[in-house]
Amino acid sequence: MPESVEATQRLLAAGGYVADRALATTVHLALRMGRPLFLEGEPGTGKTEIAKVLAKELPRRLVRLQCYDGLDLSAAAYEWNHARQLMSIRLAEATGAAGDRESLERGIYDRRFLQERPLLQALSPEGGSAVLLIDELDRADEPFEAFLLEILADFQLSVPELGTIKAAVPPIVIITSNRTREVHDAIRRRCLYHWVDYPDAARERAILRIRAPGVPEALSAQVVAFVQRLRCGDYFKLPGVAETIDWAAALTALDAQELEPAAVDETLGVLLKYQDDIAKLRGAEAAKLVAEAKQAAA
């Protein structure tokens, strides 16, 4: 584990993640205190990437639970392999080894019949200690959050038929949310919290240098200045850092050395993902932002 906030920044930077000091401090405290980390922010601000970088650099295996509407315990934590259980019962009956009913029931609820899903996989010692990424928790139903409380508080999971399974080495837990709905206070209380905002111009340029090293420096500066101004506008979905990287790479693939209104209009589908936003920006508004971005970059 990194011994200081500066060491945490260097660890994240080694994995290609440019973190400001506030974020690095929260990550450092979560690692040192052994507390889950709840990261909230707009889509595309790099929340998920933090878990990936930590898993790569520490190193630990990454166990990812992608949340969605209708997610339940059988998909998130565990379920019993009913086919193998039934086969075991038939085999015991055929060989005369069934014995009494109670011993048979205990036998079929053995750990070997338990199918591990991400939450239980993260507690398992097999493969070494883990980084558990619970991604986009706000997409799951509110009742699902109750399943997480035991894991977040005690790093254990209770299986009624088997007992309590506790992690020998607690996983590093990263929870992300795009805030499409409010996550319950019970989750927040068990975690350290950080709001991951869009990066400022200097940090976004540093990210581009790492993630898109082939982009000319002048074009990189203009792209960042353009996107920074665009995020101040009234659009349905503002571009995240991932879109900035993709757009800079797309312009470079078209051999652009600097921003031009025509090239911007032709590539807006890389930067924006909704037709209403593209129609609003294309033309005069894009040309205006190009002029402002060039002036700012100069």
C-alpha atoms as a PDB file:
ATOM      1  CA  MET A   1       0.000   0.000   0.000  1.00  0.00           C
ATOM      2  CA  PRO A   2       1.272   3.528  -0.707  1.00  0.00           C
ATOM      3  CA  GLU A   3       2.597   5.232   2.417  1.00  0.00           C
ATOM      4  CA  SER A   4       1.521   8.797   1.600  1.00  0.00           C
ATOM      5  CA  VAL A   5      -0.818  10.887  -0.534  1.00  0.00           C
ATOM      6  CA  GLU A   6       2.086  11.666  -2.853  1.00  0.00           C
ATOM      7  CA  ALA A   7       2.851   7.944  -3.191  1.00  0.00           C
ATOM      8  CA  THR A   8      -0.810   7.322  -4.037  1.00  0.00           C
ATOM      9  CA  GLN A   9      -0.655   9.988  -6.754  1.00  0.00           C
ATOM     10  CA  ARG A  10       2.459   8.345  -8.163  1.00  0.00           C
ATOM     11  CA  LEU A  11       0.812   4.904  -8.054  1.00  0.00           C
ATOM     12  CA  LEU A  12      -2.220   6.202  -9.978  1.00  0.00           C
ATOM     13  CA  ALA A  13       0.043   8.047 -12.424  1.00  0.00           C
ATOM     14  CA  ALA A  14       2.005   4.840 -13.061  1.00  0.00           C
ATOM     15  CA  GLY A  15      -1.263   3.319 -14.252  1.00  0.00           C
ATOM     16  CA  GLY A  16      -1.997   6.293 -16.520  1.00  0.00           C
ATOM     17  CA  TYR A  17      -4.441   8.044 -14.175  1.00  0.00           C
ATOM     18  CA  VAL A  18      -3.859  11.754 -13.494  1.00  0.00           C
ATOM     19  CA  ALA A  19      -5.443  12.485 -10.101  1.00  0.00           C
ATOM     20  CA  ASP A  20      -5.625  15.802  -8.293  1.00  0.00           C
ATOM     21  CA  ARG A  21      -4.547  15.921  -4.657  1.00  0.00           C
ATOM     22  CA  ALA A  22      -8.093  15.831  -3.246  1.00  0.00           C
ATOM     23  CA  LEU A  23      -8.912  12.603  -5.077  1.00  0.00           C
ATOM     24  CA  ALA A  24      -5.521  11.069  -4.258  1.00  0.00           C
ATOM     25  CA  THR A  25      -6.069  11.902  -0.571  1.00  0.00           C
ATOM     26  CA  THR A  26      -9.446  10.152  -0.494  1.00  0.00           C
ATOM     27  CA  VAL A  27      -8.068   7.082  -2.293  1.00  0.00           C
ATOM     28  CA  HIS A  28      -5.090   6.995   0.081  1.00  0.00           C
ATOM     29  CA  LEU A  29      -7.327   7.156   3.151  1.00  0.00           C
ATOM     30  CA  ALA A  30      -9.603   4.405   1.800  1.00  0.00           C
ATOM     31  CA  LEU A  31      -6.561   2.144   1.284  1.00  0.00           C
ATOM     32  CA  ARG A  32      -4.956   2.904   4.670  1.00  0.00           C
ATOM     33  CA  MET A  33      -8.184   2.721   6.689  1.00  0.00           C
ATOM     34  CA  GLY A  34      -9.565  -0.321   4.849  1.00  0.00           C
ATOM     35  CA  ARG A  35     -12.815   1.473   4.050  1.00  0.00           C
ATOM     36  CA  PRO A  36     -14.951   1.164   0.893  1.00  0.00           C
ATOM     37  CA  LEU A  37     -14.713   4.151  -1.449  1.00  0.00           C
ATOM     38  CA  PHE A  38     -17.855   5.647  -2.977  1.00  0.00           C
ATOM     39  CA  LEU A  39     -17.144   7.671  -6.126  1.00  0.00           C
ATOM     40  CA  GLU A  40     -19.930   9.770  -7.566  1.00  0.00           C
ATOM     41  CA  GLY A  41     -19.914  12.035 -10.618  1.00  0.00           C
ATOM     42  CA  GLU A  42     -20.983  12.552 -14.193  1.00  0.00           C
ATOM     43  CA  PRO A  43     -20.429   9.719 -16.707  1.00  0.00           C
ATOM     44  CA  GLY A  44     -16.998   9.782 -18.300  1.00  0.00           C
ATOM     45  CA  THR A  45     -15.102  11.446 -15.459  1.00  0.00           C
ATOM     46  CA  GLY A  46     -12.892   8.404 -14.750  1.00  0.00           C
ATOM     47  CA  LYS A  47     -14.541   6.760 -11.735  1.00  0.00           C
ATOM     48  CA  THR A  48     -14.353   3.176 -13.009  1.00  0.00           C
ATOM     49  CA  GLU A  49     -10.792   3.682 -14.192  1.00  0.00           C
ATOM     50  CA  ILE A  50      -9.595   4.225 -10.616  1.00  0.00           C
ATOM     51  CA  ALA A  51     -10.533   0.654  -9.668  1.00  0.00           C
ATOM     52  CA  LYS A  52      -8.826  -0.708 -12.786  1.00  0.00           C
ATOM     53  CA  VAL A  53      -5.625   1.202 -12.074  1.00  0.00           C
ATOM     54  CA  LEU A  54      -5.534   0.107  -8.418  1.00  0.00           C
ATOM     55  CA  ALA A  55      -6.005  -3.531  -9.436  1.00  0.00           C
ATOM     56  CA  LYS A  56      -3.216  -3.250 -11.993  1.00  0.00           C
ATOM     57  CA  GLU A  57      -0.685  -1.373  -9.894  1.00  0.00           C
ATOM     58  CA  LEU A  58      -1.050  -2.915  -6.418  1.00  0.00           C
ATOM     59  CA  PRO A  59      -1.468  -5.596  -8.024  1.00  0.00           C
ATOM     60  CA  ARG A  60      -4.733  -7.387  -7.237  1.00  0.00           C
ATOM     61  CA  ARG A  61      -7.325  -9.267  -9.234  1.00  0.00           C
ATOM     62  CA  LEU A  62     -10.217  -7.101 -10.379  1.00  0.00           C
ATOM     63  CA  VAL A  63     -13.715  -8.407  -9.608  1.00  0.00           C
ATOM     64  CA  ARG A  64     -16.364  -6.287 -11.310  1.00  0.00           C
ATOM     65  CA  LEU A  65     -20.085  -6.239 -10.581  1.00  0.00           C
ATOM     66  CA  GLN A  66     -21.835  -4.233 -13.293  1.00  0.00           C
ATOM     67  CA  CYS A  67     -25.160  -3.075 -11.875  1.00  0.00           C
ATOM     68  CA  TYR A  68     -28.389  -2.962 -13.880  1.00  0.00           C
ATOM     69  CA  ASP A  69     -32.128  -2.740 -13.348  1.00  0.00           C
ATOM     70  CA  GLY A  70     -33.378  -6.015 -11.877  1.00  0.00           C
ATOM     71  CA  LEU A  71     -30.030  -7.172 -10.463  1.00  0.00           C
ATOM     72  CA  ASP A  72     -30.619  -9.673  -7.663  1.00  0.00           C
ATOM     73  CA  LEU A  73     -28.647 -11.749  -5.185  1.00  0.00           C
ATOM     74  CA  SER A  74     -28.349 -14.780  -7.472  1.00  0.00           C
ATOM     75  CA  ALA A  75     -26.572 -12.716 -10.122  1.00  0.00           C
ATOM     76  CA  ALA A  76     -24.560 -10.557  -7.722  1.00  0.00           C
ATOM     77  CA  ALA A  77     -23.494 -12.888  -4.891  1.00  0.00           C
ATOM     78  CA  TYR A  78     -24.217 -16.610  -5.314  1.00  0.00           C
ATOM     79  CA  GLU A  79     -26.691 -19.285  -6.307  1.00  0.00           C
ATOM     80  CA  TRP A  80     -26.899 -23.002  -5.763  1.00  0.00           C
ATOM     81  CA  ASN A  81     -26.143 -25.356  -8.631  1.00  0.00           C
ATOM     82  CA  HIS A  82     -29.464 -27.187  -8.557  1.00  0.00           C
ATOM     83  CA  ALA A  83     -28.539 -29.527 -11.410  1.00  0.00           C
ATOM     84  CA  ARG A  84     -25.462 -30.824  -9.543  1.00  0.00           C
ATOM     85  CA  GLN A  85     -27.434 -31.076  -6.308  1.00  0.00           C
ATOM     86  CA  LEU A  86     -30.111 -33.187  -7.991  1.00  0.00           C
ATOM     87  CA  MET A  87     -27.464 -35.371  -9.599  1.00  0.00           C
ATOM     88  CA  SER A  88     -25.832 -35.902  -6.198  1.00  0.00           C
ATOM     89  CA  ILE A  89     -29.170 -36.951  -4.698  1.00  0.00           C
ATOM     90  CA  ARG A  90     -29.858 -39.403  -7.531  1.00  0.00           C
ATOM     91  CA  LEU A  91     -26.351 -40.861  -7.188  1.00  0.00           C
ATOM     92  CA  ALA A  92     -26.750 -41.268  -3.414  1.00  0.00           C
ATOM     93  CA  GLU A  93     -30.093 -43.022  -3.898  1.00  0.00           C
ATOM     94  CA  ALA A  94     -28.691 -45.298  -6.598  1.00  0.00           C
ATOM     95  CA  THR A  95     -25.700 -46.368  -4.505  1.00  0.00           C
ATOM     96  CA  GLY A  96     -27.676 -46.693  -1.290  1.00  0.00           C
ATOM     97  CA  ALA A  97     -25.610 -44.002   0.389  1.00  0.00           C
ATOM     98  CA  ALA A  98     -28.495 -41.601   0.919  1.00  0.00           C
ATOM     99  CA  GLY A  99     -28.642 -42.255   4.677  1.00  0.00           C
ATOM    100  CA  ASP A 100     -31.098 -40.220   6.708  1.00  0.00           C
ATOM    101  CA  ARG A 101     -32.821 -37.160   5.282  1.00  0.00           C
ATOM    102  CA  GLU A 102     -30.971 -34.607   7.463  1.00  0.00           C
ATOM    103  CA  SER A 103     -27.483 -35.775   6.478  1.00  0.00           C
ATOM    104  CA  LEU A 104     -28.520 -35.812   2.827  1.00  0.00           C
ATOM    105  CA  GLU A 105     -29.752 -32.213   3.056  1.00  0.00           C
ATOM    106  CA  ARG A 106     -26.514 -31.152   4.736  1.00  0.00           C
ATOM    107  CA  GLY A 107     -24.563 -32.864   1.989  1.00  0.00           C
ATOM    108  CA  ILE A 108     -26.272 -31.105  -0.891  1.00  0.00           C
ATOM    109  CA  TYR A 109     -25.724 -27.695   0.712  1.00  0.00           C
ATOM    110  CA  ASP A 110     -21.987 -28.104   0.595  1.00  0.00           C
ATOM    111  CA  ARG A 111     -19.628 -25.353  -0.648  1.00  0.00           C
ATOM    112  CA  ARG A 112     -18.836 -27.380  -3.773  1.00  0.00           C
ATOM    113  CA  PHE A 113     -22.411 -26.836  -5.012  1.00  0.00           C
ATOM    114  CA  LEU A 114     -22.236 -23.074  -4.502  1.00  0.00           C
ATOM    115  CA  GLN A 115     -21.767 -20.999  -7.659  1.00  0.00           C
ATOM    116  CA  GLU A 116     -19.876 -17.843  -6.788  1.00  0.00           C
ATOM    117  CA  ARG A 117     -20.872 -14.528  -8.330  1.00  0.00           C
ATOM    118  CA  PRO A 118     -18.813 -11.289  -8.092  1.00  0.00           C
ATOM    119  CA  LEU A 119     -19.595 -10.364  -4.459  1.00  0.00           C
ATOM    120  CA  LEU A 120     -18.661 -13.817  -3.170  1.00  0.00           C
ATOM    121  CA  GLN A 121     -15.713 -14.105  -5.581  1.00  0.00           C
ATOM    122  CA  ALA A 122     -14.227 -10.951  -4.048  1.00  0.00           C
ATOM    123  CA  LEU A 123     -14.336 -12.565  -0.574  1.00  0.00           C
ATOM    124  CA  SER A 124     -12.777 -15.813  -1.759  1.00  0.00           C
ATOM    125  CA  PRO A 125      -9.035 -16.340  -1.140  1.00  0.00           C
ATOM    126  CA  GLU A 126      -8.608 -18.091  -4.488  1.00  0.00           C
ATOM    127  CA  GLY A 127      -6.489 -16.001  -6.832  1.00  0.00           C
ATOM    128  CA  GLY A 128      -5.288 -13.681  -4.058  1.00  0.00           C
ATOM    129  CA  SER A 129      -6.743 -10.484  -2.654  1.00  0.00           C
ATOM    130  CA  ALA A 130      -9.119  -8.480  -4.829  1.00  0.00           C
ATOM    131  CA  VAL A 131     -10.352  -5.073  -5.858  1.00  0.00           C
ATOM    132  CA  LEU A 132     -14.160  -5.266  -5.881  1.00  0.00           C
ATOM    133  CA  LEU A 133     -15.696  -2.773  -8.308  1.00  0.00           C
ATOM    134  CA  ILE A 134     -19.435  -2.258  -7.840  1.00  0.00           C
ATOM    135  CA  ASP A 135     -20.014  -0.199 -10.950  1.00  0.00           C
ATOM    136  CA  GLU A 136     -22.959   2.191 -11.485  1.00  0.00           C
ATOM    137  CA  LEU A 137     -24.833   1.247  -8.321  1.00  0.00           C
ATOM    138  CA  ASP A 138     -27.476   3.853  -9.142  1.00  0.00           C
ATOM    139  CA  ARG A 139     -28.658   1.634 -12.043  1.00  0.00           C
ATOM    140  CA  ALA A 140     -29.678  -1.158  -9.656  1.00  0.00           C
ATOM    141  CA  ASP A 141     -32.983  -1.198  -7.776  1.00  0.00           C
ATOM    142  CA  GLU A 142     -32.994   0.418  -4.337  1.00  0.00           C
ATOM    143  CA  PRO A 143     -33.750  -2.883  -2.464  1.00  0.00           C
ATOM    144  CA  PHE A 144     -30.537  -4.366  -3.887  1.00  0.00           C
ATOM    145  CA  GLU A 145     -28.488  -1.927  -1.796  1.00  0.00           C
ATOM    146  CA  ALA A 146     -29.515  -3.828   1.337  1.00  0.00           C
ATOM    147  CA  PHE A 147     -27.562  -6.866   0.085  1.00  0.00           C
ATOM    148  CA  LEU A 148     -24.358  -4.816   0.152  1.00  0.00           C
ATOM    149  CA  LEU A 149     -24.504  -3.565   3.731  1.00  0.00           C
ATOM    150  CA  GLU A 150     -23.009  -6.689   5.336  1.00  0.00           C
ATOM    151  CA  ILE A 151     -20.144  -6.773   2.845  1.00  0.00           C
ATOM    152  CA  LEU A 152     -19.362  -3.066   3.192  1.00  0.00           C
ATOM    153  CA  ALA A 153     -19.433  -3.178   7.003  1.00  0.00           C
ATOM    154  CA  ASP A 154     -17.769  -6.530   7.785  1.00  0.00           C
ATOM    155  CA  PHE A 155     -16.464  -7.904   4.470  1.00  0.00           C
ATOM    156  CA  GLN A 156     -18.565 -11.016   4.902  1.00  0.00           C
ATOM    157  CA  LEU A 157     -21.639 -12.618   3.354  1.00  0.00           C
ATOM    158  CA  SER A 158     -24.242 -14.762   5.100  1.00  0.00           C
ATOM    159  CA  VAL A 159     -25.503 -17.802   3.178  1.00  0.00           C
ATOM    160  CA  PRO A 160     -28.531 -19.200   5.102  1.00  0.00           C
ATOM    161  CA  GLU A 161     -27.873 -22.843   4.177  1.00  0.00           C
ATOM    162  CA  LEU A 162     -24.106 -22.658   4.721  1.00  0.00           C
ATOM    163  CA  GLY A 163     -23.281 -19.959   7.255  1.00  0.00           C
ATOM    164  CA  THR A 164     -21.189 -16.806   7.144  1.00  0.00           C
ATOM    165  CA  ILE A 165     -18.370 -16.520   4.622  1.00  0.00           C
ATOM    166  CA  LYS A 166     -15.797 -13.923   5.685  1.00  0.00           C
ATOM    167  CA  ALA A 167     -12.867 -12.630   3.663  1.00  0.00           C
ATOM    168  CA  ALA A 168      -9.461 -13.652   5.015  1.00  0.00           C
ATOM    169  CA  VAL A 169      -8.037 -10.530   3.333  1.00  0.00           C
ATOM    170  CA  PRO A 170     -10.677  -7.789   2.904  1.00  0.00           C
ATOM    171  CA  PRO A 171     -11.008  -6.619  -0.693  1.00  0.00           C
ATOM    172  CA  ILE A 172     -10.544  -3.005  -1.715  1.00  0.00           C
ATOM    173  CA  VAL A 173     -14.107  -1.912  -2.526  1.00  0.00           C
ATOM    174  CA  ILE A 174     -14.834   0.820  -5.068  1.00  0.00           C
ATOM    175  CA  ILE A 175     -18.461   1.837  -5.667  1.00  0.00           C
ATOM    176  CA  THR A 176     -19.366   4.189  -8.507  1.00  0.00           C
ATOM    177  CA  SER A 177     -22.542   6.110  -9.248  1.00  0.00           C
ATOM    178  CA  ASN A 178     -23.582   8.446 -12.072  1.00  0.00           C
ATOM    179  CA  ARG A 179     -26.263   9.893  -9.776  1.00  0.00           C
ATOM    180  CA  THR A 180     -29.237   8.977 -11.944  1.00  0.00           C
ATOM    181  CA  ARG A 181     -30.880   8.431  -8.550  1.00  0.00           C
ATOM    182  CA  GLU A 182     -29.820   8.985  -4.955  1.00  0.00           C
ATOM    183  CA  VAL A 183     -28.015   6.084  -3.280  1.00  0.00           C
ATOM    184  CA  HIS A 184     -29.265   5.331   0.252  1.00  0.00           C
ATOM    185  CA  ASP A 185     -27.569   6.894   3.272  1.00  0.00           C
ATOM    186  CA  ALA A 186     -26.820   3.441   4.717  1.00  0.00           C
ATOM    187  CA  ILE A 187     -24.408   2.827   1.824  1.00  0.00           C
ATOM    188  CA  ARG A 188     -22.831   6.279   2.097  1.00  0.00           C
ATOM    189  CA  ARG A 189     -22.206   5.949   5.844  1.00  0.00           C
ATOM    190  CA  ARG A 190     -20.118   2.830   5.328  1.00  0.00           C
ATOM    191  CA  CYS A 191     -17.880   4.458   2.718  1.00  0.00           C
ATOM    192  CA  LEU A 192     -15.472   7.298   2.213  1.00  0.00           C
ATOM    193  CA  TYR A 193     -16.932   9.653  -0.390  1.00  0.00           C
ATOM    194  CA  HIS A 194     -15.540  11.699  -3.258  1.00  0.00           C
ATOM    195  CA  TRP A 195     -17.236  13.601  -6.052  1.00  0.00           C
ATOM    196  CA  VAL A 196     -15.250  13.053  -9.267  1.00  0.00           C
ATOM    197  CA  ASP A 197     -15.669  16.187 -11.370  1.00  0.00           C
ATOM    198  CA  TYR A 198     -14.558  16.975 -14.897  1.00  0.00           C
ATOM    199  CA  PRO A 199     -10.828  17.804 -14.879  1.00  0.00           C
ATOM    200  CA  ASP A 200      -9.576  21.348 -15.340  1.00  0.00           C
ATOM    201  CA  ALA A 201      -7.722  22.245 -18.537  1.00  0.00           C
ATOM    202  CA  ALA A 202      -4.231  21.516 -17.210  1.00  0.00           C
ATOM    203  CA  ARG A 203      -5.180  18.061 -15.910  1.00  0.00           C
ATOM    204  CA  GLU A 204      -7.114  17.183 -19.054  1.00  0.00           C
ATOM    205  CA  ARG A 205      -4.091  18.082 -21.198  1.00  0.00           C
ATOM    206  CA  ALA A 206      -1.934  15.876 -18.976  1.00  0.00           C
ATOM    207  CA  ILE A 207      -4.431  13.034 -19.464  1.00  0.00           C
ATOM    208  CA  LEU A 208      -4.283  13.504 -23.244  1.00  0.00           C
ATOM    209  CA  ARG A 209      -0.489  13.328 -23.215  1.00  0.00           C
ATOM    210  CA  ILE A 210      -0.684   9.938 -21.507  1.00  0.00           C
ATOM    211  CA  ARG A 211      -3.726   8.412 -23.219  1.00  0.00           C
ATOM    212  CA  ALA A 212      -3.271   9.898 -26.705  1.00  0.00           C
ATOM    213  CA  PRO A 213       0.466  10.545 -27.071  1.00  0.00           C
ATOM    214  CA  GLY A 214       0.260  10.804 -30.864  1.00  0.00           C
ATOM    215  CA  VAL A 215      -1.862  13.982 -30.800  1.00  0.00           C
ATOM    216  CA  PRO A 216       0.129  17.109 -31.767  1.00  0.00           C
ATOM    217  CA  GLU A 217       0.659  19.469 -28.835  1.00  0.00           C
ATOM    218  CA  ALA A 218      -1.062  22.418 -30.515  1.00  0.00           C
ATOM    219  CA  LEU A 219      -4.105  20.322 -31.428  1.00  0.00           C
ATOM    220  CA  SER A 220      -4.221  18.848 -27.918  1.00  0.00           C
ATOM    221  CA  ALA A 221      -4.312  22.321 -26.357  1.00  0.00           C
ATOM    222  CA  GLN A 222      -7.080  23.468 -28.725  1.00  0.00           C
ATOM    223  CA  VAL A 223      -9.158  20.320 -28.215  1.00  0.00           C
ATOM    224  CA  VAL A 224      -9.016  20.715 -24.435  1.00  0.00           C
ATOM    225  CA  ALA A 225      -9.865  24.419 -24.632  1.00  0.00           C
ATOM    226  CA  PHE A 226     -12.814  23.630 -26.935  1.00  0.00           C
ATOM    227  CA  VAL A 227     -14.176  20.883 -24.658  1.00  0.00           C
ATOM    228  CA  GLN A 228     -13.732  22.995 -21.530  1.00  0.00           C
ATOM    229  CA  ARG A 229     -15.883  25.732 -23.095  1.00  0.00           C
ATOM    230  CA  LEU A 230     -18.380  23.206 -24.414  1.00  0.00           C
ATOM    231  CA  ARG A 231     -18.964  21.889 -20.881  1.00  0.00           C
ATOM    232  CA  CYS A 232     -20.129  25.355 -19.854  1.00  0.00           C
ATOM    233  CA  GLY A 233     -22.988  25.131 -22.370  1.00  0.00           C
ATOM    234  CA  ASP A 234     -26.501  23.791 -21.994  1.00  0.00           C
ATOM    235  CA  TYR A 235     -26.357  20.339 -23.566  1.00  0.00           C
ATOM    236  CA  PHE A 236     -28.182  17.117 -22.787  1.00  0.00           C
ATOM    237  CA  LYS A 237     -24.986  15.067 -22.315  1.00  0.00           C
ATOM    238  CA  LEU A 238     -21.671  16.809 -21.822  1.00  0.00           C
ATOM    239  CA  PRO A 239     -18.573  15.030 -23.135  1.00  0.00           C
ATOM    240  CA  GLY A 240     -16.453  13.174 -20.607  1.00  0.00           C
ATOM    241  CA  VAL A 241     -12.718  12.641 -20.598  1.00  0.00           C
ATOM    242  CA  ALA A 242     -13.116   9.471 -22.672  1.00  0.00           C
ATOM    243  CA  GLU A 243     -14.846  11.490 -25.408  1.00  0.00           C
ATOM    244  CA  THR A 244     -12.072  14.097 -25.320  1.00  0.00           C
ATOM    245  CA  ILE A 245      -9.471  11.368 -25.853  1.00  0.00           C
ATOM    246  CA  ASP A 246     -11.481   9.759 -28.670  1.00  0.00           C
ATOM    247  CA  TRP A 247     -12.060  13.102 -30.397  1.00  0.00           C
ATOM    248  CA  ALA A 248      -8.396  14.122 -30.244  1.00  0.00           C
ATOM    249  CA  ALA A 249      -7.410  10.706 -31.644  1.00  0.00           C
ATOM    250  CA  ALA A 250     -10.047  10.980 -34.411  1.00  0.00           C
ATOM    251  CA  LEU A 251      -8.819  14.422 -35.480  1.00  0.00           C
ATOM    252  CA  THR A 252      -5.239  13.143 -35.492  1.00  0.00           C
ATOM    253  CA  ALA A 253      -6.321  10.199 -37.669  1.00  0.00           C
ATOM    254  CA  LEU A 254      -7.649  12.783 -40.147  1.00  0.00           C
ATOM    255  CA  ASP A 255      -4.176  14.440 -40.143  1.00  0.00           C
ATOM    256  CA  ALA A 256      -5.475  17.585 -38.457  1.00  0.00           C
ATOM    257  CA  GLN A 257      -2.788  19.808 -36.961  1.00  0.00           C
ATOM    258  CA  GLU A 258      -5.209  22.273 -35.404  1.00  0.00           C
ATOM    259  CA  LEU A 259      -8.949  22.757 -35.010  1.00  0.00           C
ATOM    260  CA  GLU A 260     -10.911  23.905 -38.039  1.00  0.00           C
ATOM    261  CA  PRO A 261     -14.695  24.465 -38.106  1.00  0.00           C
ATOM    262  CA  ALA A 262     -15.203  22.034 -40.987  1.00  0.00           C
ATOM    263  CA  ALA A 263     -13.303  19.210 -39.251  1.00  0.00           C
ATOM    264  CA  VAL A 264     -15.200  19.877 -36.026  1.00  0.00           C
ATOM    265  CA  ASP A 265     -18.585  19.649 -37.763  1.00  0.00           C
ATOM    266  CA  GLU A 266     -17.585  16.380 -39.436  1.00  0.00           C
ATOM    267  CA  THR A 267     -16.437  14.709 -36.217  1.00  0.00           C
ATOM    268  CA  LEU A 268     -19.032  15.858 -33.677  1.00  0.00           C
ATOM    269  CA  GLY A 269     -20.416  12.323 -33.502  1.00  0.00           C
ATOM    270  CA  VAL A 270     -17.209  11.308 -31.727  1.00  0.00           C
ATOM    271  CA  LEU A 271     -17.570  14.025 -29.098  1.00  0.00           C
ATOM    272  CA  LEU A 272     -21.353  14.200 -28.600  1.00  0.00           C
ATOM    273  CA  LYS A 273     -23.788  11.281 -28.473  1.00  0.00           C
ATOM    274  CA  TYR A 274     -27.184  12.915 -28.995  1.00  0.00           C
ATOM    275  CA  GLN A 275     -28.469  14.373 -32.266  1.00  0.00           C
ATOM    276  CA  ASP A 276     -30.063  17.389 -30.566  1.00  0.00           C
ATOM    277  CA  ASP A 277     -26.693  18.327 -29.052  1.00  0.00           C
ATOM    278  CA  ILE A 278     -24.905  17.879 -32.381  1.00  0.00           C
ATOM    279  CA  ALA A 279     -27.470  20.003 -34.233  1.00  0.00           C
ATOM    280  CA  LYS A 280     -27.225  22.706 -31.592  1.00  0.00           C
ATOM    281  CA  LEU A 281     -23.427  22.890 -31.792  1.00  0.00           C
ATOM    282  CA  ARG A 282     -22.826  22.386 -35.514  1.00  0.00           C
ATOM    283  CA  GLY A 283     -22.144  25.442 -37.659  1.00  0.00           C
ATOM    284  CA  ALA A 284     -21.863  28.928 -36.196  1.00  0.00           C
ATOM    285  CA  GLU A 285     -21.676  27.821 -32.562  1.00  0.00           C
ATOM    286  CA  ALA A 286     -18.873  25.356 -33.313  1.00  0.00           C
ATOM    287  CA  ALA A 287     -16.969  27.984 -35.314  1.00  0.00           C
ATOM    288  CA  LYS A 288     -17.268  30.392 -32.391  1.00  0.00           C
ATOM    289  CA  LEU A 289     -15.911  27.830 -29.931  1.00  0.00           C
ATOM    290  CA  VAL A 290     -13.069  26.978 -32.323  1.00  0.00           C
ATOM    291  CA  ALA A 291     -12.028  30.635 -32.448  1.00  0.00           C
ATOM    292  CA  GLU A 292     -12.189  30.938 -28.661  1.00  0.00           C
ATOM    293  CA  ALA A 293     -10.266  27.676 -28.190  1.00  0.00           C
ATOM    294  CA  LYS A 294      -7.478  28.794 -30.525  1.00  0.00           C
ATOM    295  CA  GLN A 295      -7.183  32.103 -28.725  1.00  0.00           C
ATOM    296  CA  ALA A 296      -7.087  30.409 -25.319  1.00  0.00           C
ATOM    297  CA  ALA A 297      -4.566  27.805 -26.449  1.00  0.00           C
ATOM    298  CA  ALA A 298      -2.329  30.480 -27.957  1.00  0.00           C
END
